[in-house]
Amino acid sequence: MSILAWIIVGLLGGLISKALMPGPQPGGLIFTILLGIAGAFVGGFLSVALGVGNGIDGFDMGTIALSALGAMLILFVYRALGGAHSIRI
């Protein structure tokens, strides 16, 4: 994929993950794009490791879904490690 496609996938994946995760989310637009791109890498790696896909192959709904799921996993780990907006009980 081209750089522009990665940015678009990152933005869409990051926005979806932030919308689906409850509570306040860290960062602005650049953080959201980077979160989605990192989520695409994580999601692609997990899909290959679990044997359910062949990673990120292009710009489609599956790529965006993998990006969002990977970004949600990153946000979950961030909060679990005590990120700035984590809930403390």
PDB file of N, CA and C in Angstrom:
ATOM      1  N   MET A   1       0.838  -1.177   0.000  1.00  0.00           N
ATOM      2  CA  MET A   1       0.000   0.000   0.000  1.00  0.00           C
ATOM      3  C   MET A   1       0.882   1.238   0.000  1.00  0.00           C
ATOM      4  N   SER A   2       0.347   2.307  -0.532  1.00  0.00           N
ATOM      5  CA  SER A   2       1.083   3.564  -0.563  1.00  0.00           C
ATOM      6  C   SER A   2       0.996   4.250   0.798  1.00  0.00           C
ATOM      7  N   ILE A   3       1.806   5.261   0.975  1.00  0.00           N
ATOM      8  CA  ILE A   3       1.811   6.025   2.216  1.00  0.00           C
ATOM      9  C   ILE A   3       0.436   6.642   2.471  1.00  0.00           C
ATOM     10  N   LEU A   4      -0.191   7.186   1.438  1.00  0.00           N
ATOM     11  CA  LEU A   4      -1.514   7.794   1.592  1.00  0.00           C
ATOM     12  C   LEU A   4      -2.547   6.759   2.027  1.00  0.00           C
ATOM     13  N   ALA A   5      -2.465   5.560   1.487  1.00  0.00           N
ATOM     14  CA  ALA A   5      -3.401   4.498   1.882  1.00  0.00           C
ATOM     15  C   ALA A   5      -3.195   4.120   3.344  1.00  0.00           C
ATOM     16  N   TRP A   6      -1.934   4.043   3.792  1.00  0.00           N
ATOM     17  CA  TRP A   6      -1.667   3.747   5.197  1.00  0.00           C
ATOM     18  C   TRP A   6      -2.235   4.838   6.099  1.00  0.00           C
ATOM     19  N   ILE A   7      -2.103   6.096   5.692  1.00  0.00           N
ATOM     20  CA  ILE A   7      -2.636   7.199   6.495  1.00  0.00           C
ATOM     21  C   ILE A   7      -4.153   7.111   6.571  1.00  0.00           C
ATOM     22  N   ILE A   8      -4.817   6.820   5.460  1.00  0.00           N
ATOM     23  CA  ILE A   8      -6.279   6.714   5.446  1.00  0.00           C
ATOM     24  C   ILE A   8      -6.734   5.527   6.296  1.00  0.00           C
ATOM     25  N   VAL A   9      -6.093   4.371   6.116  1.00  0.00           N
ATOM     26  CA  VAL A   9      -6.434   3.199   6.930  1.00  0.00           C
ATOM     27  C   VAL A   9      -6.184   3.497   8.402  1.00  0.00           C
ATOM     28  N   GLY A  10      -5.074   4.149   8.704  1.00  0.00           N
ATOM     29  CA  GLY A  10      -4.762   4.509  10.087  1.00  0.00           C
ATOM     30  C   GLY A  10      -5.798   5.438  10.684  1.00  0.00           C
ATOM     31  N   LEU A  11      -6.197   6.446   9.921  1.00  0.00           N
ATOM     32  CA  LEU A  11      -7.197   7.387  10.413  1.00  0.00           C
ATOM     33  C   LEU A  11      -8.528   6.692  10.663  1.00  0.00           C
ATOM     34  N   LEU A  12      -8.993   5.907   9.701  1.00  0.00           N
ATOM     35  CA  LEU A  12     -10.273   5.217   9.860  1.00  0.00           C
ATOM     36  C   LEU A  12     -10.221   4.190  10.984  1.00  0.00           C
ATOM     37  N   GLY A  13      -9.167   3.409  11.037  1.00  0.00           N
ATOM     38  CA  GLY A  13      -9.025   2.414  12.106  1.00  0.00           C
ATOM     39  C   GLY A  13      -8.924   3.062  13.473  1.00  0.00           C
ATOM     40  N   GLY A  14      -8.166   4.146  13.567  1.00  0.00           N
ATOM     41  CA  GLY A  14      -8.028   4.863  14.836  1.00  0.00           C
ATOM     42  C   GLY A  14      -9.335   5.494  15.277  1.00  0.00           C
ATOM     43  N   LEU A  15     -10.066   6.081  14.339  1.00  0.00           N
ATOM     44  CA  LEU A  15     -11.357   6.687  14.684  1.00  0.00           C
ATOM     45  C   LEU A  15     -12.360   5.642  15.152  1.00  0.00           C
ATOM     46  N   ILE A  16     -12.410   4.517  14.463  1.00  0.00           N
ATOM     47  CA  ILE A  16     -13.338   3.455  14.847  1.00  0.00           C
ATOM     48  C   ILE A  16     -12.982   2.912  16.227  1.00  0.00           C
ATOM     49  N   SER A  17     -11.699   2.681  16.472  1.00  0.00           N
ATOM     50  CA  SER A  17     -11.296   2.145  17.774  1.00  0.00           C
ATOM     51  C   SER A  17     -11.588   3.123  18.898  1.00  0.00           C
ATOM     52  N   LYS A  18     -11.350   4.409  18.655  1.00  0.00           N
ATOM     53  CA  LYS A  18     -11.649   5.405  19.684  1.00  0.00           C
ATOM     54  C   LYS A  18     -13.149   5.528  19.928  1.00  0.00           C
ATOM     55  N   ALA A  19     -13.954   5.355  18.880  1.00  0.00           N
ATOM     56  CA  ALA A  19     -15.404   5.438  19.039  1.00  0.00           C
ATOM     57  C   ALA A  19     -15.952   4.237  19.807  1.00  0.00           C
ATOM     58  N   LEU A  20     -15.351   3.067  19.633  1.00  0.00           N
ATOM     59  CA  LEU A  20     -15.859   1.858  20.271  1.00  0.00           C
ATOM     60  C   LEU A  20     -15.339   1.648  21.688  1.00  0.00           C
ATOM     61  N   MET A  21     -14.202   2.232  22.020  1.00  0.00           N
ATOM     62  CA  MET A  21     -13.653   2.099  23.369  1.00  0.00           C
ATOM     63  C   MET A  21     -14.332   3.098  24.290  1.00  0.00           C
ATOM     64  N   PRO A  22     -14.833   2.656  25.439  1.00  0.00           N
ATOM     65  CA  PRO A  22     -15.507   3.585  26.355  1.00  0.00           C
ATOM     66  C   PRO A  22     -14.509   4.511  27.047  1.00  0.00           C
ATOM     67  N   GLY A  23     -14.997   5.666  27.455  1.00  0.00           N
ATOM     68  CA  GLY A  23     -14.189   6.608  28.214  1.00  0.00           C
ATOM     69  C   GLY A  23     -13.425   7.568  27.330  1.00  0.00           C
ATOM     70  N   PRO A  24     -12.749   8.523  27.965  1.00  0.00           N
ATOM     71  CA  PRO A  24     -11.956   9.501  27.206  1.00  0.00           C
ATOM     72  C   PRO A  24     -10.743   8.843  26.565  1.00  0.00           C
ATOM     73  N   GLN A  25     -10.375   9.344  25.392  1.00  0.00           N
ATOM     74  CA  GLN A  25      -9.268   8.782  24.630  1.00  0.00           C
ATOM     75  C   GLN A  25      -8.125   9.785  24.545  1.00  0.00           C
ATOM     76  N   PRO A  26      -6.885   9.293  24.604  1.00  0.00           N
ATOM     77  CA  PRO A  26      -5.739  10.196  24.527  1.00  0.00           C
ATOM     78  C   PRO A  26      -5.456  10.648  23.094  1.00  0.00           C
ATOM     79  N   GLY A  27      -4.808  11.786  22.973  1.00  0.00           N
ATOM     80  CA  GLY A  27      -4.264  12.215  21.687  1.00  0.00           C
ATOM     81  C   GLY A  27      -5.236  12.922  20.770  1.00  0.00           C
ATOM     82  N   GLY A  28      -4.661  13.497  19.724  1.00  0.00           N
ATOM     83  CA  GLY A  28      -5.428  14.204  18.712  1.00  0.00           C
ATOM     84  C   GLY A  28      -5.397  13.455  17.393  1.00  0.00           C
ATOM     85  N   LEU A  29      -5.442  14.207  16.306  1.00  0.00           N
ATOM     86  CA  LEU A  29      -5.535  13.624  14.968  1.00  0.00           C
ATOM     87  C   LEU A  29      -4.296  12.809  14.604  1.00  0.00           C
ATOM     88  N   ILE A  30      -3.118  13.350  14.848  1.00  0.00           N
ATOM     89  CA  ILE A  30      -1.877  12.635  14.513  1.00  0.00           C
ATOM     90  C   ILE A  30      -1.771  11.355  15.338  1.00  0.00           C
ATOM     91  N   PHE A  31      -2.094  11.442  16.626  1.00  0.00           N
ATOM     92  CA  PHE A  31      -2.062  10.244  17.468  1.00  0.00           C
ATOM     93  C   PHE A  31      -3.049   9.199  16.966  1.00  0.00           C
ATOM     94  N   THR A  32      -4.229   9.643  16.529  1.00  0.00           N
ATOM     95  CA  THR A  32      -5.250   8.725  16.021  1.00  0.00           C
ATOM     96  C   THR A  32      -4.757   8.008  14.775  1.00  0.00           C
ATOM     97  N   ILE A  33      -4.118   8.729  13.856  1.00  0.00           N
ATOM     98  CA  ILE A  33      -3.576   8.117  12.643  1.00  0.00           C
ATOM     99  C   ILE A  33      -2.486   7.111  12.998  1.00  0.00           C
ATOM    100  N   LEU A  34      -1.559   7.505  13.877  1.00  0.00           N
ATOM    101  CA  LEU A  34      -0.476   6.602  14.272  1.00  0.00           C
ATOM    102  C   LEU A  34      -1.014   5.383  15.019  1.00  0.00           C
ATOM    103  N   LEU A  35      -2.036   5.590  15.839  1.00  0.00           N
ATOM    104  CA  LEU A  35      -2.674   4.482  16.548  1.00  0.00           C
ATOM    105  C   LEU A  35      -3.279   3.491  15.559  1.00  0.00           C
ATOM    106  N   GLY A  36      -3.957   3.997  14.539  1.00  0.00           N
ATOM    107  CA  GLY A  36      -4.553   3.130  13.529  1.00  0.00           C
ATOM    108  C   GLY A  36      -3.519   2.387  12.703  1.00  0.00           C
ATOM    109  N   ILE A  37      -2.419   3.045  12.360  1.00  0.00           N
ATOM    110  CA  ILE A  37      -1.353   2.378  11.605  1.00  0.00           C
ATOM    111  C   ILE A  37      -0.716   1.285  12.461  1.00  0.00           C
ATOM    112  N   ALA A  38      -0.429   1.601  13.724  1.00  0.00           N
ATOM    113  CA  ALA A  38       0.117   0.578  14.620  1.00  0.00           C
ATOM    114  C   ALA A  38      -0.890  -0.556  14.802  1.00  0.00           C
ATOM    115  N   GLY A  39      -2.168  -0.199  14.882  1.00  0.00           N
ATOM    116  CA  GLY A  39      -3.214  -1.213  14.991  1.00  0.00           C
ATOM    117  C   GLY A  39      -3.275  -2.109  13.772  1.00  0.00           C
ATOM    118  N   ALA A  40      -3.023  -1.553  12.593  1.00  0.00           N
ATOM    119  CA  ALA A  40      -3.006  -2.362  11.373  1.00  0.00           C
ATOM    120  C   ALA A  40      -1.867  -3.374  11.417  1.00  0.00           C
ATOM    121  N   PHE A  41      -0.708  -2.957  11.914  1.00  0.00           N
ATOM    122  CA  PHE A  41       0.405  -3.891  12.055  1.00  0.00           C
ATOM    123  C   PHE A  41       0.079  -4.987  13.064  1.00  0.00           C
ATOM    124  N   VAL A  42      -0.469  -4.595  14.219  1.00  0.00           N
ATOM    125  CA  VAL A  42      -0.825  -5.573  15.256  1.00  0.00           C
ATOM    126  C   VAL A  42      -1.910  -6.516  14.743  1.00  0.00           C
ATOM    127  N   GLY A  43      -2.957  -5.966  14.142  1.00  0.00           N
ATOM    128  CA  GLY A  43      -4.041  -6.787  13.616  1.00  0.00           C
ATOM    129  C   GLY A  43      -3.576  -7.729  12.522  1.00  0.00           C
ATOM    130  N   GLY A  44      -2.729  -7.251  11.627  1.00  0.00           N
ATOM    131  CA  GLY A  44      -2.183  -8.093  10.565  1.00  0.00           C
ATOM    132  C   GLY A  44      -1.318  -9.212  11.118  1.00  0.00           C
ATOM    133  N   PHE A  45      -0.490  -8.880  12.109  1.00  0.00           N
ATOM    134  CA  PHE A  45       0.358  -9.895  12.730  1.00  0.00           C
ATOM    135  C   PHE A  45      -0.489 -10.966  13.405  1.00  0.00           C
ATOM    136  N   LEU A  46      -1.513 -10.539  14.157  1.00  0.00           N
ATOM    137  CA  LEU A  46      -2.361 -11.503  14.850  1.00  0.00           C
ATOM    138  C   LEU A  46      -3.152 -12.378  13.885  1.00  0.00           C
ATOM    139  N   SER A  47      -3.611 -11.809  12.781  1.00  0.00           N
ATOM    140  CA  SER A  47      -4.378 -12.613  11.817  1.00  0.00           C
ATOM    141  C   SER A  47      -3.512 -13.700  11.195  1.00  0.00           C
ATOM    142  N   VAL A  48      -2.249 -13.385  10.934  1.00  0.00           N
ATOM    143  CA  VAL A  48      -1.329 -14.386  10.392  1.00  0.00           C
ATOM    144  C   VAL A  48      -0.977 -15.415  11.466  1.00  0.00           C
ATOM    145  N   ALA A  49      -0.714 -14.947  12.693  1.00  0.00           N
ATOM    146  CA  ALA A  49      -0.331 -15.848  13.781  1.00  0.00           C
ATOM    147  C   ALA A  49      -1.452 -16.827  14.131  1.00  0.00           C
ATOM    148  N   LEU A  50      -2.699 -16.362  14.049  1.00  0.00           N
ATOM    149  CA  LEU A  50      -3.837 -17.222  14.356  1.00  0.00           C
ATOM    150  C   LEU A  50      -4.289 -18.048  13.166  1.00  0.00           C
ATOM    151  N   GLY A  51      -3.720 -17.778  11.991  1.00  0.00           N
ATOM    152  CA  GLY A  51      -4.043 -18.543  10.798  1.00  0.00           C
ATOM    153  C   GLY A  51      -5.390 -18.212  10.181  1.00  0.00           C
ATOM    154  N   VAL A  52      -5.909 -17.011  10.454  1.00  0.00           N
ATOM    155  CA  VAL A  52      -7.211 -16.624   9.910  1.00  0.00           C
ATOM    156  C   VAL A  52      -7.102 -15.641   8.751  1.00  0.00           C
ATOM    157  N   GLY A  53      -5.921 -15.272   8.391  1.00  0.00           N
ATOM    158  CA  GLY A  53      -5.749 -14.330   7.290  1.00  0.00           C
ATOM    159  C   GLY A  53      -4.308 -14.310   6.830  1.00  0.00           C
ATOM    160  N   ASN A  54      -4.062 -13.466   5.857  1.00  0.00           N
ATOM    161  CA  ASN A  54      -2.695 -13.336   5.354  1.00  0.00           C
ATOM    162  C   ASN A  54      -2.148 -11.944   5.576  1.00  0.00           C
ATOM    163  N   GLY A  55      -2.638 -11.264   6.608  1.00  0.00           N
ATOM    164  CA  GLY A  55      -2.120  -9.946   6.944  1.00  0.00           C
ATOM    165  C   GLY A  55      -2.803  -8.843   6.163  1.00  0.00           C
ATOM    166  N   ILE A  56      -2.136  -7.737   6.057  1.00  0.00           N
ATOM    167  CA  ILE A  56      -2.660  -6.556   5.394  1.00  0.00           C
ATOM    168  C   ILE A  56      -2.275  -6.626   3.921  1.00  0.00           C
ATOM    169  N   ASP A  57      -3.263  -6.804   3.041  1.00  0.00           N
ATOM    170  CA  ASP A  57      -2.969  -6.966   1.616  1.00  0.00           C
ATOM    171  C   ASP A  57      -3.442  -5.819   0.744  1.00  0.00           C
ATOM    172  N   GLY A  58      -4.169  -4.902   1.266  1.00  0.00           N
ATOM    173  CA  GLY A  58      -4.661  -3.821   0.434  1.00  0.00           C
ATOM    174  C   GLY A  58      -5.656  -2.973   1.196  1.00  0.00           C
ATOM    175  N   PHE A  59      -6.252  -2.070   0.495  1.00  0.00           N
ATOM    176  CA  PHE A  59      -7.185  -1.124   1.095  1.00  0.00           C
ATOM    177  C   PHE A  59      -8.594  -1.662   0.910  1.00  0.00           C
ATOM    178  N   ASP A  60      -9.134  -2.295   1.962  1.00  0.00           N
ATOM    179  CA  ASP A  60     -10.497  -2.794   1.928  1.00  0.00           C
ATOM    180  C   ASP A  60     -11.076  -2.774   3.344  1.00  0.00           C
ATOM    181  N   MET A  61     -12.295  -3.231   3.489  1.00  0.00           N
ATOM    182  CA  MET A  61     -12.951  -3.194   4.796  1.00  0.00           C
ATOM    183  C   MET A  61     -12.254  -4.120   5.794  1.00  0.00           C
ATOM    184  N   GLY A  62     -11.698  -5.225   5.324  1.00  0.00           N
ATOM    185  CA  GLY A  62     -10.971  -6.124   6.214  1.00  0.00           C
ATOM    186  C   GLY A  62      -9.742  -5.464   6.807  1.00  0.00           C
ATOM    187  N   THR A  63      -9.054  -4.689   5.996  1.00  0.00           N
ATOM    188  CA  THR A  63      -7.874  -3.968   6.464  1.00  0.00           C
ATOM    189  C   THR A  63      -8.256  -2.952   7.525  1.00  0.00           C
ATOM    190  N   ILE A  64      -9.336  -2.230   7.290  1.00  0.00           N
ATOM    191  CA  ILE A  64      -9.790  -1.230   8.256  1.00  0.00           C
ATOM    192  C   ILE A  64     -10.243  -1.916   9.544  1.00  0.00           C
ATOM    193  N   ALA A  65     -10.932  -3.054   9.427  1.00  0.00           N
ATOM    194  CA  ALA A  65     -11.375  -3.796  10.602  1.00  0.00           C
ATOM    195  C   ALA A  65     -10.180  -4.299  11.408  1.00  0.00           C
ATOM    196  N   LEU A  66      -9.161  -4.845  10.728  1.00  0.00           N
ATOM    197  CA  LEU A  66      -7.956  -5.291  11.430  1.00  0.00           C
ATOM    198  C   LEU A  66      -7.253  -4.121  12.109  1.00  0.00           C
ATOM    199  N   SER A  67      -7.221  -2.989  11.447  1.00  0.00           N
ATOM    200  CA  SER A  67      -6.611  -1.797  12.021  1.00  0.00           C
ATOM    201  C   SER A  67      -7.351  -1.366  13.281  1.00  0.00           C
ATOM    202  N   ALA A  68      -8.675  -1.356  13.222  1.00  0.00           N
ATOM    203  CA  ALA A  68      -9.475  -0.956  14.379  1.00  0.00           C
ATOM    204  C   ALA A  68      -9.309  -1.940  15.532  1.00  0.00           C
ATOM    205  N   LEU A  69      -9.341  -3.238  15.241  1.00  0.00           N
ATOM    206  CA  LEU A  69      -9.176  -4.234  16.303  1.00  0.00           C
ATOM    207  C   LEU A  69      -7.791  -4.160  16.935  1.00  0.00           C
ATOM    208  N   GLY A  70      -6.768  -3.990  16.113  1.00  0.00           N
ATOM    209  CA  GLY A  70      -5.415  -3.843  16.641  1.00  0.00           C
ATOM    210  C   GLY A  70      -5.274  -2.581  17.476  1.00  0.00           C
ATOM    211  N   ALA A  71      -5.885  -1.490  17.025  1.00  0.00           N
ATOM    212  CA  ALA A  71      -5.825  -0.229  17.771  1.00  0.00           C
ATOM    213  C   ALA A  71      -6.569  -0.348  19.096  1.00  0.00           C
ATOM    214  N   MET A  72      -7.691  -1.072  19.106  1.00  0.00           N
ATOM    215  CA  MET A  72      -8.419  -1.285  20.356  1.00  0.00           C
ATOM    216  C   MET A  72      -7.578  -2.095  21.338  1.00  0.00           C
ATOM    217  N   LEU A  73      -6.854  -3.070  20.829  1.00  0.00           N
ATOM    218  CA  LEU A  73      -5.963  -3.853  21.681  1.00  0.00           C
ATOM    219  C   LEU A  73      -4.861  -2.964  22.252  1.00  0.00           C
ATOM    220  N   ILE A  74      -4.304  -2.088  21.440  1.00  0.00           N
ATOM    221  CA  ILE A  74      -3.267  -1.169  21.909  1.00  0.00           C
ATOM    222  C   ILE A  74      -3.827  -0.237  22.987  1.00  0.00           C
ATOM    223  N   LEU A  75      -5.027   0.311  22.768  1.00  0.00           N
ATOM    224  CA  LEU A  75      -5.648   1.186  23.772  1.00  0.00           C
ATOM    225  C   LEU A  75      -5.925   0.432  25.070  1.00  0.00           C
ATOM    226  N   PHE A  76      -6.368  -0.821  24.961  1.00  0.00           N
ATOM    227  CA  PHE A  76      -6.632  -1.630  26.145  1.00  0.00           C
ATOM    228  C   PHE A  76      -5.357  -1.843  26.948  1.00  0.00           C
ATOM    229  N   VAL A  77      -4.268  -2.197  26.270  1.00  0.00           N
ATOM    230  CA  VAL A  77      -2.993  -2.407  26.952  1.00  0.00           C
ATOM    231  C   VAL A  77      -2.497  -1.100  27.561  1.00  0.00           C
ATOM    232  N   TYR A  78      -2.659   0.001  26.847  1.00  0.00           N
ATOM    233  CA  TYR A  78      -2.254   1.319  27.354  1.00  0.00           C
ATOM    234  C   TYR A  78      -2.969   1.626  28.670  1.00  0.00           C
ATOM    235  N   ARG A  79      -4.267   1.383  28.694  1.00  0.00           N
ATOM    236  CA  ARG A  79      -5.032   1.634  29.921  1.00  0.00           C
ATOM    237  C   ARG A  79      -4.665   0.656  31.026  1.00  0.00           C
ATOM    238  N   ALA A  80      -4.432  -0.599  30.675  1.00  0.00           N
ATOM    239  CA  ALA A  80      -4.081  -1.601  31.675  1.00  0.00           C
ATOM    240  C   ALA A  80      -2.742  -1.283  32.334  1.00  0.00           C
ATOM    241  N   LEU A  81      -1.846  -0.666  31.586  1.00  0.00           N
ATOM    242  CA  LEU A  81      -0.539  -0.297  32.135  1.00  0.00           C
ATOM    243  C   LEU A  81      -0.574   1.024  32.882  1.00  0.00           C
ATOM    244  N   GLY A  82      -1.764   1.607  33.035  1.00  0.00           N
ATOM    245  CA  GLY A  82      -1.891   2.824  33.818  1.00  0.00           C
ATOM    246  C   GLY A  82      -1.708   4.090  33.027  1.00  0.00           C
ATOM    247  N   GLY A  83      -2.226   4.122  31.807  1.00  0.00           N
ATOM    248  CA  GLY A  83      -2.155   5.322  30.977  1.00  0.00           C
ATOM    249  C   GLY A  83      -2.832   6.504  31.659  1.00  0.00           C
ATOM    250  N   ALA A  84      -2.645   7.660  31.134  1.00  0.00           N
ATOM    251  CA  ALA A  84      -3.130   8.896  31.741  1.00  0.00           C
ATOM    252  C   ALA A  84      -4.627   8.909  31.974  1.00  0.00           C
ATOM    253  N   HIS A  85      -5.397   8.206  31.148  1.00  0.00           N
ATOM    254  CA  HIS A  85      -6.852   8.232  31.262  1.00  0.00           C
ATOM    255  C   HIS A  85      -7.406   6.906  31.766  1.00  0.00           C
ATOM    256  N   SER A  86      -6.590   6.101  32.417  1.00  0.00           N
ATOM    257  CA  SER A  86      -7.085   4.806  32.889  1.00  0.00           C
ATOM    258  C   SER A  86      -7.946   4.997  34.123  1.00  0.00           C
ATOM    259  N   ILE A  87      -8.845   4.081  34.340  1.00  0.00           N
ATOM    260  CA  ILE A  87      -9.729   4.129  35.493  1.00  0.00           C
ATOM    261  C   ILE A  87      -9.045   3.391  36.633  1.00  0.00           C
ATOM    262  N   ARG A  88      -8.961   4.041  37.766  1.00  0.00           N
ATOM    263  CA  ARG A  88      -8.331   3.431  38.936  1.00  0.00           C
ATOM    264  C   ARG A  88      -9.408   3.106  39.963  1.00  0.00           C
ATOM    265  N   ILE A  89      -9.358   1.873  40.468  1.00  0.00           N
ATOM    266  CA  ILE A  89     -10.361   1.451  41.474  1.00  0.00           C
ATOM    267  C   ILE A  89      -9.666   1.198  42.782  1.00  0.00           C
TER     268      ILE A  89
END
